């Protein structure tokens, strides 16, 4: 099995793990009595993990990164993030991009 095959199969799970860690990090910050050492470690993991996920995603095959809608025989390819490929890359209405602040400031 090639590296790209593994990326294709495991990306969703890795991305889910990243999201779970991010949610945990934010909840800990909001608690008011978070352990600074734990926050620091989670922050460092997230800072390294994010660009690594981007790199993995960039090496995935196009077939994996795009899904097809089943509108009869003329299915339109859409990127996983909601970009309508047939519309020249314009964002679909209601698309949200979240950016994290991992510096704790």
PDB file of N, CA and C in Angstrom:
ATOM      1  N   UNK A   1       0.851  -1.167   0.000  1.00  0.00           N
ATOM      2  CA  UNK A   1       0.000   0.000   0.000  1.00  0.00           C
ATOM      3  C   UNK A   1       0.899   1.233   0.000  1.00  0.00           C
ATOM      4  N   UNK A   2       0.575   2.205  -0.844  1.00  0.00           N
ATOM      5  CA  UNK A   2       1.416   3.397  -0.969  1.00  0.00           C
ATOM      6  C   UNK A   2       1.053   4.445   0.082  1.00  0.00           C
ATOM      7  N   UNK A   3       1.933   5.416   0.213  1.00  0.00           N
ATOM      8  CA  UNK A   3       1.724   6.523   1.140  1.00  0.00           C
ATOM      9  C   UNK A   3       0.420   7.254   0.821  1.00  0.00           C
ATOM     10  N   UNK A   4       0.164   7.531  -0.450  1.00  0.00           N
ATOM     11  CA  UNK A   4      -1.054   8.246  -0.852  1.00  0.00           C
ATOM     12  C   UNK A   4      -2.301   7.431  -0.524  1.00  0.00           C
ATOM     13  N   UNK A   5      -2.234   6.123  -0.702  1.00  0.00           N
ATOM     14  CA  UNK A   5      -3.370   5.265  -0.342  1.00  0.00           C
ATOM     15  C   UNK A   5      -3.677   5.377   1.158  1.00  0.00           C
ATOM     16  N   UNK A   6      -2.635   5.391   1.952  1.00  0.00           N
ATOM     17  CA  UNK A   6      -2.812   5.524   3.399  1.00  0.00           C
ATOM     18  C   UNK A   6      -3.378   6.904   3.729  1.00  0.00           C
ATOM     19  N   UNK A   7      -2.852   7.951   3.083  1.00  0.00           N
ATOM     20  CA  UNK A   7      -3.393   9.299   3.279  1.00  0.00           C
ATOM     21  C   UNK A   7      -4.880   9.332   2.954  1.00  0.00           C
ATOM     22  N   UNK A   8      -5.250   8.745   1.824  1.00  0.00           N
ATOM     23  CA  UNK A   8      -6.643   8.737   1.389  1.00  0.00           C
ATOM     24  C   UNK A   8      -7.547   8.060   2.421  1.00  0.00           C
ATOM     25  N   UNK A   9      -7.080   6.979   3.014  1.00  0.00           N
ATOM     26  CA  UNK A   9      -7.889   6.213   3.959  1.00  0.00           C
ATOM     27  C   UNK A   9      -7.938   6.835   5.354  1.00  0.00           C
ATOM     28  N   UNK A  10      -6.876   7.473   5.767  1.00  0.00           N
ATOM     29  CA  UNK A  10      -6.764   7.891   7.165  1.00  0.00           C
ATOM     30  C   UNK A  10      -6.956   9.383   7.420  1.00  0.00           C
ATOM     31  N   UNK A  11      -7.047  10.203   6.393  1.00  0.00           N
ATOM     32  CA  UNK A  11      -7.128  11.657   6.590  1.00  0.00           C
ATOM     33  C   UNK A  11      -8.326  12.062   7.446  1.00  0.00           C
ATOM     34  N   UNK A  12      -9.484  11.514   7.173  1.00  0.00           N
ATOM     35  CA  UNK A  12     -10.688  11.911   7.907  1.00  0.00           C
ATOM     36  C   UNK A  12     -10.518  11.653   9.405  1.00  0.00           C
ATOM     37  N   UNK A  13      -9.957  10.511   9.750  1.00  0.00           N
ATOM     38  CA  UNK A  13      -9.724  10.192  11.159  1.00  0.00           C
ATOM     39  C   UNK A  13      -8.731  11.141  11.809  1.00  0.00           C
ATOM     40  N   UNK A  14      -7.657  11.463  11.094  1.00  0.00           N
ATOM     41  CA  UNK A  14      -6.668  12.395  11.632  1.00  0.00           C
ATOM     42  C   UNK A  14      -7.273  13.784  11.809  1.00  0.00           C
ATOM     43  N   UNK A  15      -8.045  14.213  10.828  1.00  0.00           N
ATOM     44  CA  UNK A  15      -8.681  15.524  10.922  1.00  0.00           C
ATOM     45  C   UNK A  15      -9.660  15.564  12.095  1.00  0.00           C
ATOM     46  N   UNK A  16     -10.381  14.475  12.298  1.00  0.00           N
ATOM     47  CA  UNK A  16     -11.311  14.394  13.439  1.00  0.00           C
ATOM     48  C   UNK A  16     -10.540  14.497  14.766  1.00  0.00           C
ATOM     49  N   UNK A  17      -9.408  13.828  14.833  1.00  0.00           N
ATOM     50  CA  UNK A  17      -8.583  13.899  16.044  1.00  0.00           C
ATOM     51  C   UNK A  17      -8.120  15.329  16.297  1.00  0.00           C
ATOM     52  N   UNK A  18      -7.742  16.034  15.247  1.00  0.00           N
ATOM     53  CA  UNK A  18      -7.326  17.433  15.369  1.00  0.00           C
ATOM     54  C   UNK A  18      -8.472  18.286  15.917  1.00  0.00           C
ATOM     55  N   UNK A  19      -9.661  18.109  15.362  1.00  0.00           N
ATOM     56  CA  UNK A  19     -10.828  18.875  15.800  1.00  0.00           C
ATOM     57  C   UNK A  19     -11.132  18.584  17.261  1.00  0.00           C
ATOM     58  N   UNK A  20     -11.056  17.311  17.666  1.00  0.00           N
ATOM     59  CA  UNK A  20     -11.317  16.951  19.062  1.00  0.00           C
ATOM     60  C   UNK A  20     -10.292  17.604  19.995  1.00  0.00           C
ATOM     61  N   UNK A  21      -9.028  17.605  19.605  1.00  0.00           N
ATOM     62  CA  UNK A  21      -7.996  18.226  20.429  1.00  0.00           C
ATOM     63  C   UNK A  21      -8.210  19.735  20.521  1.00  0.00           C
ATOM     64  N   UNK A  22      -8.619  20.349  19.418  1.00  0.00           N
ATOM     65  CA  UNK A  22      -8.882  21.784  19.394  1.00  0.00           C
ATOM     66  C   UNK A  22     -10.038  22.136  20.328  1.00  0.00           C
ATOM     67  N   UNK A  23     -11.104  21.337  20.286  1.00  0.00           N
ATOM     68  CA  UNK A  23     -12.246  21.564  21.178  1.00  0.00           C
ATOM     69  C   UNK A  23     -11.816  21.409  22.645  1.00  0.00           C
ATOM     70  N   UNK A  24     -11.037  20.388  22.928  1.00  0.00           N
ATOM     71  CA  UNK A  24     -10.528  20.155  24.278  1.00  0.00           C
ATOM     72  C   UNK A  24      -9.702  21.348  24.751  1.00  0.00           C
ATOM     73  N   UNK A  25      -8.815  21.829  23.885  1.00  0.00           N
ATOM     74  CA  UNK A  25      -7.954  22.969  24.196  1.00  0.00           C
ATOM     75  C   UNK A  25      -8.791  24.198  24.546  1.00  0.00           C
ATOM     76  N   UNK A  26      -9.788  24.487  23.721  1.00  0.00           N
ATOM     77  CA  UNK A  26     -10.644  25.648  23.970  1.00  0.00           C
ATOM     78  C   UNK A  26     -11.440  25.509  25.265  1.00  0.00           C
ATOM     79  N   UNK A  27     -11.951  24.327  25.545  1.00  0.00           N
ATOM     80  CA  UNK A  27     -12.697  24.104  26.790  1.00  0.00           C
ATOM     81  C   UNK A  27     -11.793  24.294  27.998  1.00  0.00           C
ATOM     82  N   UNK A  28     -10.559  23.823  27.886  1.00  0.00           N
ATOM     83  CA  UNK A  28      -9.608  23.985  28.980  1.00  0.00           C
ATOM     84  C   UNK A  28      -9.308  25.453  29.232  1.00  0.00           C
ATOM     85  N   UNK A  29      -9.117  26.223  28.169  1.00  0.00           N
ATOM     86  CA  UNK A  29      -8.862  27.659  28.322  1.00  0.00           C
ATOM     87  C   UNK A  29     -10.035  28.325  29.022  1.00  0.00           C
ATOM     88  N   UNK A  30     -11.240  27.962  28.634  1.00  0.00           N
ATOM     89  CA  UNK A  30     -12.445  28.568  29.194  1.00  0.00           C
ATOM     90  C   UNK A  30     -12.690  28.171  30.648  1.00  0.00           C
ATOM     91  N   UNK A  31     -12.051  27.104  31.099  1.00  0.00           N
ATOM     92  CA  UNK A  31     -12.300  26.624  32.464  1.00  0.00           C
ATOM     93  C   UNK A  31     -11.787  27.589  33.526  1.00  0.00           C
ATOM     94  N   UNK A  32     -10.765  28.332  33.213  1.00  0.00           N
ATOM     95  CA  UNK A  32     -10.225  29.286  34.183  1.00  0.00           C
ATOM     96  C   UNK A  32      -9.158  28.729  35.096  1.00  0.00           C
ATOM     97  N   UNK A  33      -9.103  27.409  35.263  1.00  0.00           N
ATOM     98  CA  UNK A  33      -8.072  26.827  36.126  1.00  0.00           C
ATOM     99  C   UNK A  33      -7.270  25.761  35.391  1.00  0.00           C
ATOM    100  N   UNK A  34      -7.019  26.007  34.119  1.00  0.00           N
ATOM    101  CA  UNK A  34      -6.304  25.035  33.288  1.00  0.00           C
ATOM    102  C   UNK A  34      -4.851  24.899  33.715  1.00  0.00           C
ATOM    103  N   UNK A  35      -4.351  23.702  33.593  1.00  0.00           N
ATOM    104  CA  UNK A  35      -2.944  23.415  33.856  1.00  0.00           C
ATOM    105  C   UNK A  35      -2.136  23.970  32.678  1.00  0.00           C
ATOM    106  N   UNK A  36      -1.245  24.903  32.955  1.00  0.00           N
ATOM    107  CA  UNK A  36      -0.468  25.556  31.901  1.00  0.00           C
ATOM    108  C   UNK A  36       0.415  24.572  31.127  1.00  0.00           C
ATOM    109  N   UNK A  37       0.915  23.562  31.804  1.00  0.00           N
ATOM    110  CA  UNK A  37       1.754  22.577  31.120  1.00  0.00           C
ATOM    111  C   UNK A  37       0.932  21.790  30.100  1.00  0.00           C
ATOM    112  N   UNK A  38      -0.274  21.384  30.487  1.00  0.00           N
ATOM    113  CA  UNK A  38      -1.158  20.657  29.571  1.00  0.00           C
ATOM    114  C   UNK A  38      -1.532  21.556  28.400  1.00  0.00           C
ATOM    115  N   UNK A  39      -1.890  22.806  28.676  1.00  0.00           N
ATOM    116  CA  UNK A  39      -2.227  23.745  27.605  1.00  0.00           C
ATOM    117  C   UNK A  39      -1.064  23.913  26.635  1.00  0.00           C
ATOM    118  N   UNK A  40       0.112  24.023  27.173  1.00  0.00           N
ATOM    119  CA  UNK A  40       1.302  24.210  26.344  1.00  0.00           C
ATOM    120  C   UNK A  40       1.538  23.022  25.419  1.00  0.00           C
ATOM    121  N   UNK A  41       1.411  21.829  25.970  1.00  0.00           N
ATOM    122  CA  UNK A  41       1.633  20.615  25.162  1.00  0.00           C
ATOM    123  C   UNK A  41       0.590  20.502  24.060  1.00  0.00           C
ATOM    124  N   UNK A  42      -0.686  20.706  24.406  1.00  0.00           N
ATOM    125  CA  UNK A  42      -1.758  20.621  23.407  1.00  0.00           C
ATOM    126  C   UNK A  42      -1.565  21.690  22.336  1.00  0.00           C
ATOM    127  N   UNK A  43      -1.201  22.900  22.745  1.00  0.00           N
ATOM    128  CA  UNK A  43      -0.956  23.988  21.788  1.00  0.00           C
ATOM    129  C   UNK A  43       0.155  23.612  20.812  1.00  0.00           C
ATOM    130  N   UNK A  44       1.240  23.047  21.336  1.00  0.00           N
ATOM    131  CA  UNK A  44       2.358  22.646  20.469  1.00  0.00           C
ATOM    132  C   UNK A  44       1.938  21.552  19.486  1.00  0.00           C
ATOM    133  N   UNK A  45       1.160  20.597  19.963  1.00  0.00           N
ATOM    134  CA  UNK A  45       0.674  19.529  19.077  1.00  0.00           C
ATOM    135  C   UNK A  45      -0.167  20.126  17.958  1.00  0.00           C
ATOM    136  N   UNK A  46      -1.090  21.024  18.315  1.00  0.00           N
ATOM    137  CA  UNK A  46      -1.957  21.635  17.312  1.00  0.00           C
ATOM    138  C   UNK A  46      -1.165  22.462  16.305  1.00  0.00           C
ATOM    139  N   UNK A  47      -0.161  23.186  16.787  1.00  0.00           N
ATOM    140  CA  UNK A  47       0.648  24.007  15.886  1.00  0.00           C
ATOM    141  C   UNK A  47       1.410  23.164  14.870  1.00  0.00           C
ATOM    142  N   UNK A  48       1.862  21.997  15.263  1.00  0.00           N
ATOM    143  CA  UNK A  48       2.595  21.115  14.354  1.00  0.00           C
ATOM    144  C   UNK A  48       1.634  20.296  13.488  1.00  0.00           C
ATOM    145  N   UNK A  49       0.531  19.897  14.077  1.00  0.00           N
ATOM    146  CA  UNK A  49      -0.425  19.007  13.412  1.00  0.00           C
ATOM    147  C   UNK A  49      -1.148  19.692  12.247  1.00  0.00           C
ATOM    148  N   UNK A  50      -1.489  20.968  12.382  1.00  0.00           N
ATOM    149  CA  UNK A  50      -2.252  21.671  11.358  1.00  0.00           C
ATOM    150  C   UNK A  50      -1.547  21.688   9.999  1.00  0.00           C
ATOM    151  N   UNK A  51      -0.291  22.153   9.901  1.00  0.00           N
ATOM    152  CA  UNK A  51       0.360  22.132   8.590  1.00  0.00           C
ATOM    153  C   UNK A  51       0.621  20.713   8.078  1.00  0.00           C
ATOM    154  N   UNK A  52       0.764  19.776   8.989  1.00  0.00           N
ATOM    155  CA  UNK A  52       0.954  18.387   8.574  1.00  0.00           C
ATOM    156  C   UNK A  52      -0.313  17.852   7.923  1.00  0.00           C
ATOM    157  N   UNK A  53      -1.470  18.172   8.493  1.00  0.00           N
ATOM    158  CA  UNK A  53      -2.735  17.781   7.867  1.00  0.00           C
ATOM    159  C   UNK A  53      -2.888  18.423   6.495  1.00  0.00           C
ATOM    160  N   UNK A  54      -2.484  19.689   6.380  1.00  0.00           N
ATOM    161  CA  UNK A  54      -2.537  20.367   5.076  1.00  0.00           C
ATOM    162  C   UNK A  54      -1.651  19.659   4.056  1.00  0.00           C
ATOM    163  N   UNK A  55      -0.492  19.237   4.484  1.00  0.00           N
ATOM    164  CA  UNK A  55       0.424  18.540   3.568  1.00  0.00           C
ATOM    165  C   UNK A  55      -0.164  17.199   3.129  1.00  0.00           C
ATOM    166  N   UNK A  56      -0.717  16.461   4.083  1.00  0.00           N
ATOM    167  CA  UNK A  56      -1.348  15.184   3.757  1.00  0.00           C
ATOM    168  C   UNK A  56      -2.489  15.404   2.774  1.00  0.00           C
ATOM    169  N   UNK A  57      -3.317  16.396   3.045  1.00  0.00           N
ATOM    170  CA  UNK A  57      -4.455  16.686   2.171  1.00  0.00           C
ATOM    171  C   UNK A  57      -3.990  17.051   0.768  1.00  0.00           C
ATOM    172  N   UNK A  58      -2.892  17.790   0.670  1.00  0.00           N
ATOM    173  CA  UNK A  58      -2.398  18.201  -0.645  1.00  0.00           C
ATOM    174  C   UNK A  58      -1.883  17.024  -1.463  1.00  0.00           C
ATOM    175  N   UNK A  59      -1.491  15.943  -0.816  1.00  0.00           N
ATOM    176  CA  UNK A  59      -0.970  14.780  -1.528  1.00  0.00           C
ATOM    177  C   UNK A  59      -2.031  13.713  -1.797  1.00  0.00           C
ATOM    178  N   UNK A  60      -3.235  13.935  -1.268  1.00  0.00           N
ATOM    179  CA  UNK A  60      -4.313  12.968  -1.508  1.00  0.00           C
ATOM    180  C   UNK A  60      -4.729  13.028  -2.976  1.00  0.00           C
ATOM    181  N   UNK A  61      -5.292  11.946  -3.461  1.00  0.00           N
ATOM    182  CA  UNK A  61      -5.740  11.933  -4.845  1.00  0.00           C
ATOM    183  C   UNK A  61      -6.966  12.818  -5.004  1.00  0.00           C
ATOM    184  N   UNK A  62      -7.144  13.358  -6.187  1.00  0.00           N
ATOM    185  CA  UNK A  62      -8.259  14.259  -6.466  1.00  0.00           C
ATOM    186  C   UNK A  62      -9.590  13.556  -6.229  1.00  0.00           C
ATOM    187  N   UNK A  63      -9.694  12.299  -6.593  1.00  0.00           N
ATOM    188  CA  UNK A  63     -10.940  11.555  -6.416  1.00  0.00           C
ATOM    189  C   UNK A  63     -11.364  11.528  -4.954  1.00  0.00           C
ATOM    190  N   UNK A  64     -10.415  11.452  -4.049  1.00  0.00           N
ATOM    191  CA  UNK A  64     -10.719  11.408  -2.624  1.00  0.00           C
ATOM    192  C   UNK A  64     -11.124  12.782  -2.109  1.00  0.00           C
ATOM    193  N   UNK A  65     -10.491  13.843  -2.608  1.00  0.00           N
ATOM    194  CA  UNK A  65     -10.760  15.181  -2.106  1.00  0.00           C
ATOM    195  C   UNK A  65     -12.077  15.759  -2.619  1.00  0.00           C
ATOM    196  N   UNK A  66     -12.667  15.174  -3.633  1.00  0.00           N
ATOM    197  CA  UNK A  66     -13.903  15.696  -4.207  1.00  0.00           C
ATOM    198  C   UNK A  66     -15.010  14.674  -4.068  1.00  0.00           C
ATOM    199  N   UNK A  67     -16.226  15.167  -3.875  1.00  0.00           N
ATOM    200  CA  UNK A  67     -17.365  14.276  -3.812  1.00  0.00           C
ATOM    201  C   UNK A  67     -18.322  14.658  -4.931  1.00  0.00           C
ATOM    202  N   UNK A  68     -19.167  13.738  -5.321  1.00  0.00           N
ATOM    203  CA  UNK A  68     -20.122  14.012  -6.376  1.00  0.00           C
ATOM    204  C   UNK A  68     -21.518  14.055  -5.810  1.00  0.00           C
ATOM    205  N   UNK A  69     -22.301  15.073  -6.243  1.00  0.00           N
ATOM    206  CA  UNK A  69     -23.708  15.159  -5.885  1.00  0.00           C
ATOM    207  C   UNK A  69     -24.481  14.322  -6.888  1.00  0.00           C
ATOM    208  N   UNK A  70     -25.536  13.670  -6.448  1.00  0.00           N
ATOM    209  CA  UNK A  70     -26.282  12.802  -7.341  1.00  0.00           C
ATOM    210  C   UNK A  70     -27.449  13.486  -8.026  1.00  0.00           C
ATOM    211  N   UNK A  71     -27.251  14.677  -8.688  1.00  0.00           N
ATOM    212  CA  UNK A  71     -28.369  15.234  -9.426  1.00  0.00           C
ATOM    213  C   UNK A  71     -28.451  14.557 -10.774  1.00  0.00           C
ATOM    214  N   UNK A  72     -29.163  13.440 -10.768  1.00  0.00           N
ATOM    215  CA  UNK A  72     -29.401  12.615 -11.960  1.00  0.00           C
ATOM    216  C   UNK A  72     -28.107  12.298 -12.673  1.00  0.00           C
ATOM    217  N   UNK A  73     -28.054  12.528 -13.975  1.00  0.00           N
ATOM    218  CA  UNK A  73     -26.875  12.129 -14.730  1.00  0.00           C
ATOM    219  C   UNK A  73     -25.797  13.202 -14.747  1.00  0.00           C
ATOM    220  N   UNK A  74     -26.142  14.426 -14.340  1.00  0.00           N
ATOM    221  CA  UNK A  74     -25.160  15.507 -14.376  1.00  0.00           C
ATOM    222  C   UNK A  74     -24.721  15.870 -12.956  1.00  0.00           C
ATOM    223  N   UNK A  75     -23.855  15.056 -12.389  1.00  0.00           N
ATOM    224  CA  UNK A  75     -23.355  15.302 -11.034  1.00  0.00           C
ATOM    225  C   UNK A  75     -22.265  16.361 -11.100  1.00  0.00           C
ATOM    226  N   UNK A  76     -22.323  17.324 -10.157  1.00  0.00           N
ATOM    227  CA  UNK A  76     -21.296  18.357 -10.083  1.00  0.00           C
ATOM    228  C   UNK A  76     -20.297  17.982  -8.996  1.00  0.00           C
ATOM    229  N   UNK A  77     -19.016  18.143  -9.298  1.00  0.00           N
ATOM    230  CA  UNK A  77     -17.980  17.874  -8.298  1.00  0.00           C
ATOM    231  C   UNK A  77     -17.895  19.060  -7.360  1.00  0.00           C
ATOM    232  N   UNK A  78     -17.840  18.760  -6.070  1.00  0.00           N
ATOM    233  CA  UNK A  78     -17.684  19.804  -5.058  1.00  0.00           C
ATOM    234  C   UNK A  78     -16.535  19.413  -4.151  1.00  0.00           C
ATOM    235  N   UNK A  79     -15.743  20.392  -3.810  1.00  0.00           N
ATOM    236  CA  UNK A  79     -14.667  20.141  -2.871  1.00  0.00           C
ATOM    237  C   UNK A  79     -15.280  19.866  -1.510  1.00  0.00           C
ATOM    238  N   UNK A  80     -14.564  19.168  -0.682  1.00  0.00           N
ATOM    239  CA  UNK A  80     -15.048  18.815   0.642  1.00  0.00           C
ATOM    240  C   UNK A  80     -15.360  20.068   1.460  1.00  0.00           C
ATOM    241  N   UNK A  81     -14.635  21.165   1.236  1.00  0.00           N
ATOM    242  CA  UNK A  81     -14.852  22.382   2.003  1.00  0.00           C
ATOM    243  C   UNK A  81     -15.992  23.238   1.478  1.00  0.00           C
ATOM    244  N   UNK A  82     -16.765  22.769   0.505  1.00  0.00           N
ATOM    245  CA  UNK A  82     -17.926  23.505   0.027  1.00  0.00           C
ATOM    246  C   UNK A  82     -17.687  24.349  -1.205  1.00  0.00           C
ATOM    247  N   UNK A  83     -16.498  24.322  -1.781  1.00  0.00           N
ATOM    248  CA  UNK A  83     -16.228  25.093  -2.976  1.00  0.00           C
ATOM    249  C   UNK A  83     -16.857  24.399  -4.174  1.00  0.00           C
ATOM    250  N   UNK A  84     -17.670  25.128  -4.915  1.00  0.00           N
ATOM    251  CA  UNK A  84     -18.317  24.580  -6.098  1.00  0.00           C
ATOM    252  C   UNK A  84     -17.324  24.628  -7.252  1.00  0.00           C
ATOM    253  N   UNK A  85     -16.819  23.476  -7.653  1.00  0.00           N
ATOM    254  CA  UNK A  85     -15.790  23.402  -8.675  1.00  0.00           C
ATOM    255  C   UNK A  85     -16.313  23.898 -10.013  1.00  0.00           C
ATOM    256  N   UNK A  86     -17.570  23.622 -10.324  1.00  0.00           N
ATOM    257  CA  UNK A  86     -18.116  24.024 -11.606  1.00  0.00           C
ATOM    258  C   UNK A  86     -18.341  25.536 -11.698  1.00  0.00           C
ATOM    259  N   UNK A  87     -18.327  26.233 -10.583  1.00  0.00           N
ATOM    260  CA  UNK A  87     -18.533  27.680 -10.584  1.00  0.00           C
ATOM    261  C   UNK A  87     -17.208  28.427 -10.543  1.00  0.00           C
ATOM    262  N   UNK A  88     -16.150  27.787 -10.942  1.00  0.00           N
ATOM    263  CA  UNK A  88     -14.856  28.452 -11.001  1.00  0.00           C
ATOM    264  C   UNK A  88     -14.219  28.682  -9.649  1.00  0.00           C
ATOM    265  N   UNK A  89     -14.575  27.878  -8.665  1.00  0.00           N
ATOM    266  CA  UNK A  89     -13.932  27.963  -7.361  1.00  0.00           C
ATOM    267  C   UNK A  89     -14.565  28.954  -6.413  1.00  0.00           C
ATOM    268  N   UNK A  90     -15.771  29.426  -6.682  1.00  0.00           N
ATOM    269  CA  UNK A  90     -16.439  30.358  -5.776  1.00  0.00           C
ATOM    270  C   UNK A  90     -16.975  29.595  -4.572  1.00  0.00           C
ATOM    271  N   UNK A  91     -16.924  30.231  -3.427  1.00  0.00           N
ATOM    272  CA  UNK A  91     -17.417  29.597  -2.203  1.00  0.00           C
ATOM    273  C   UNK A  91     -18.928  29.478  -2.240  1.00  0.00           C
ATOM    274  N   UNK A  92     -19.440  28.374  -1.762  1.00  0.00           N
ATOM    275  CA  UNK A  92     -20.873  28.204  -1.632  1.00  0.00           C
ATOM    276  C   UNK A  92     -21.382  29.087  -0.503  1.00  0.00           C
ATOM    277  N   UNK A  93     -22.624  29.483  -0.583  1.00  0.00           N
ATOM    278  CA  UNK A  93     -23.213  30.328   0.461  1.00  0.00           C
ATOM    279  C   UNK A  93     -23.196  29.600   1.791  1.00  0.00           C
ATOM    280  N   UNK A  94     -22.864  30.307   2.832  1.00  0.00           N
ATOM    281  CA  UNK A  94     -22.887  29.741   4.176  1.00  0.00           C
ATOM    282  C   UNK A  94     -21.625  29.002   4.574  1.00  0.00           C
ATOM    283  N   UNK A  95     -20.599  28.979   3.731  1.00  0.00           N
ATOM    284  CA  UNK A  95     -19.362  28.286   4.083  1.00  0.00           C
ATOM    285  C   UNK A  95     -18.655  29.054   5.194  1.00  0.00           C
ATOM    286  N   UNK A  96     -18.133  28.331   6.163  1.00  0.00           N
ATOM    287  CA  UNK A  96     -17.480  28.947   7.308  1.00  0.00           C
ATOM    288  C   UNK A  96     -16.078  28.380   7.432  1.00  0.00           C
ATOM    289  N   UNK A  97     -15.105  29.263   7.604  1.00  0.00           N
ATOM    290  CA  UNK A  97     -13.728  28.837   7.840  1.00  0.00           C
ATOM    291  C   UNK A  97     -13.345  29.302   9.234  1.00  0.00           C
ATOM    292  N   UNK A  98     -12.954  28.374  10.072  1.00  0.00           N
ATOM    293  CA  UNK A  98     -12.569  28.695  11.436  1.00  0.00           C
ATOM    294  C   UNK A  98     -11.051  28.736  11.543  1.00  0.00           C
ATOM    295  N   UNK A  99     -10.544  29.740  12.226  1.00  0.00           N
ATOM    296  CA  UNK A  99      -9.100  29.873  12.444  1.00  0.00           C
ATOM    297  C   UNK A  99      -8.860  29.871  13.933  1.00  0.00           C
ATOM    298  N   UNK A 100      -7.942  29.060  14.395  1.00  0.00           N
ATOM    299  CA  UNK A 100      -7.652  28.965  15.814  1.00  0.00           C
ATOM    300  C   UNK A 100      -6.553  29.911  16.235  1.00  0.00           C
ATOM    301  N   UNK A 101      -6.592  30.315  17.487  1.00  0.00           N
ATOM    302  CA  UNK A 101      -5.539  31.109  18.088  1.00  0.00           C
ATOM    303  C   UNK A 101      -4.879  30.247  19.146  1.00  0.00           C
ATOM    304  N   UNK A 102      -3.742  29.643  18.802  1.00  0.00           N
ATOM    305  CA  UNK A 102      -3.095  28.703  19.680  1.00  0.00           C
ATOM    306  C   UNK A 102      -2.021  29.333  20.549  1.00  0.00           C
ATOM    307  N   UNK A 103      -1.908  30.636  20.500  1.00  0.00           N
ATOM    308  CA  UNK A 103      -0.897  31.298  21.305  1.00  0.00           C
ATOM    309  C   UNK A 103      -1.371  31.552  22.718  1.00  0.00           C
ATOM    310  N   UNK A 104      -2.685  31.405  22.952  1.00  0.00           N
ATOM    311  CA  UNK A 104      -3.239  31.590  24.287  1.00  0.00           C
ATOM    312  C   UNK A 104      -3.385  33.052  24.667  1.00  0.00           C
ATOM    313  N   UNK A 105      -3.227  33.951  23.714  1.00  0.00           N
ATOM    314  CA  UNK A 105      -3.330  35.389  23.994  1.00  0.00           C
ATOM    315  C   UNK A 105      -4.737  35.853  23.735  1.00  0.00           C
TER     316      UNK A 105
END
